[in-house]
Protein backbone atom coordinates (compact mmCIF):
# COMPACT_ATOMS: atom_id res chain seq x y z
CA UNK A 1 124.52 97.13 123.33
CA UNK A 2 123.65 93.64 122.22
CA UNK A 3 121.44 92.48 119.36
CA UNK A 4 120.51 88.83 119.38
CA UNK A 5 120.37 87.19 115.98
CA UNK A 6 118.37 84.01 115.58
CA UNK A 7 119.00 82.08 112.39
CA UNK A 8 116.48 79.28 112.39
CA UNK A 9 117.23 77.61 115.77
CA UNK A 10 120.72 79.06 116.26
CA UNK A 11 121.30 82.16 118.37
CA UNK A 12 124.23 84.53 118.16
CA UNK A 13 124.73 87.71 120.14
CA UNK A 14 126.30 90.66 118.38
CA UNK A 15 127.89 93.15 120.72
CA UNK A 16 127.82 96.70 119.38
CA UNK A 17 130.19 99.05 121.19
CA UNK A 18 128.80 102.50 121.96
CA UNK A 19 131.57 103.97 119.78
CA UNK A 20 130.04 102.34 116.71
CA UNK A 21 126.67 103.86 117.46
CA UNK A 22 128.23 107.30 117.77
CA UNK A 23 130.99 107.16 115.15
CA UNK A 24 128.98 105.48 112.39
CA UNK A 25 126.11 107.99 112.24
CA UNK A 26 127.22 109.27 108.82
CA UNK A 27 127.45 105.71 107.52
CA UNK A 28 123.97 104.91 108.86
CA UNK A 29 122.62 108.06 107.20
CA UNK A 30 124.18 106.94 103.88
CA UNK A 31 122.49 103.56 104.24
CA UNK A 32 119.18 105.35 104.72
CA UNK A 33 119.83 107.57 101.73
CA UNK A 34 120.58 104.53 99.56
CA UNK A 35 117.39 102.84 100.72
CA UNK A 36 115.42 106.04 100.01
CA UNK A 37 115.85 105.15 96.33
CA UNK A 38 114.02 101.85 96.82
CA UNK A 39 115.27 98.33 97.35
CA UNK A 40 114.76 94.86 95.90
CA UNK A 41 113.53 92.80 98.84
CA UNK A 42 113.68 89.20 97.73
CA UNK A 43 111.15 89.08 94.86
CA UNK A 44 109.50 92.42 95.59
CA UNK A 45 110.64 95.92 94.67
CA UNK A 46 109.90 98.31 97.53
CA UNK A 47 109.94 101.93 96.36
CA UNK A 48 109.97 103.45 99.84
CA UNK A 49 111.08 100.99 102.53
CA UNK A 50 109.63 101.73 105.95
CA UNK A 51 111.58 101.28 109.17
CA UNK A 52 110.70 97.60 109.51
CA UNK A 53 111.72 96.91 105.92
CA UNK A 54 114.96 98.85 106.39
CA UNK A 55 115.77 96.65 109.38
CA UNK A 56 115.00 93.56 107.28
CA UNK A 57 117.32 94.80 104.53
CA UNK A 58 120.12 95.44 107.00
CA UNK A 59 119.46 92.11 108.74
CA UNK A 60 120.03 90.43 105.40
CA UNK A 61 123.44 92.13 105.33
CA UNK A 62 124.07 90.78 108.85
CA UNK A 63 123.23 87.27 107.65
CA UNK A 64 125.68 87.60 104.76
CA UNK A 65 128.37 88.98 107.09
CA UNK A 66 127.91 86.09 109.51
CA UNK A 67 128.03 83.55 106.69
CA UNK A 68 131.35 85.12 105.61
CA UNK A 69 132.64 85.24 109.21
CA UNK A 70 132.83 89.05 108.98
CA UNK A 71 132.00 90.06 112.53
CA UNK A 72 132.97 93.71 112.06
CA UNK A 73 130.39 94.20 109.32
CA UNK A 74 127.81 92.27 111.34
CA UNK A 75 128.42 94.59 114.32
CA UNK A 76 128.18 97.67 112.11
CA UNK A 77 124.87 96.52 110.60
CA UNK A 78 123.54 95.56 114.04
CA UNK A 79 124.52 99.07 115.10
CA UNK A 80 122.31 100.48 112.37
CA UNK A 81 119.31 98.53 113.67
CA UNK A 82 120.00 99.56 117.27
CA UNK A 83 120.45 103.20 116.25
CA UNK A 84 117.12 103.26 114.42
CA UNK A 85 115.18 101.06 116.87
CA UNK A 86 116.78 101.62 120.30
CA UNK A 87 114.46 99.10 121.97
CA UNK A 88 115.42 96.34 119.50
CA UNK A 89 116.19 93.10 121.27
CA UNK A 90 116.52 90.45 118.58
CA UNK A 91 116.21 89.77 114.87
CA UNK A 92 114.79 86.46 113.72
CA UNK A 93 116.19 85.39 110.34
CA UNK A 94 115.81 82.33 108.19
CA UNK A 95 117.84 80.68 105.47
CA UNK A 96 114.92 80.39 103.06
CA UNK A 97 116.03 83.46 101.11
CA UNK A 98 113.07 85.74 101.84
CA UNK A 99 114.15 88.74 103.87
CA UNK A 100 110.55 89.96 104.09
CA UNK A 101 109.98 87.14 106.56
CA UNK A 102 112.65 88.43 108.97
CA UNK A 103 111.13 89.54 112.26
CA UNK A 104 112.38 92.30 114.55
CA UNK A 105 111.70 91.75 118.25
CA UNK A 106 111.60 94.76 120.56
CA UNK A 107 111.42 95.06 124.34
């Protein structure tokens, strides 16, 4: 599966092999469990992130991974989004530092 990542005007496609979606289920569940305890989203504490917010949190991890040229982590985080939102097509990010402004695009 492919998740398109748009950072401002730049597009990058992250290919997520089916094996990641299947083999990383426990990891994805741990991510959810961690987020169940709340999460600091930019300047706002969110006690119970909903699905959209969880995708924004993980997209922020994708952005960091891409900035660090860590494509394996980016693919793993993209896999989380695709596992939770199977009809996800793209994630629109910005470099302004506010993950609450990230937008998930679905088909």
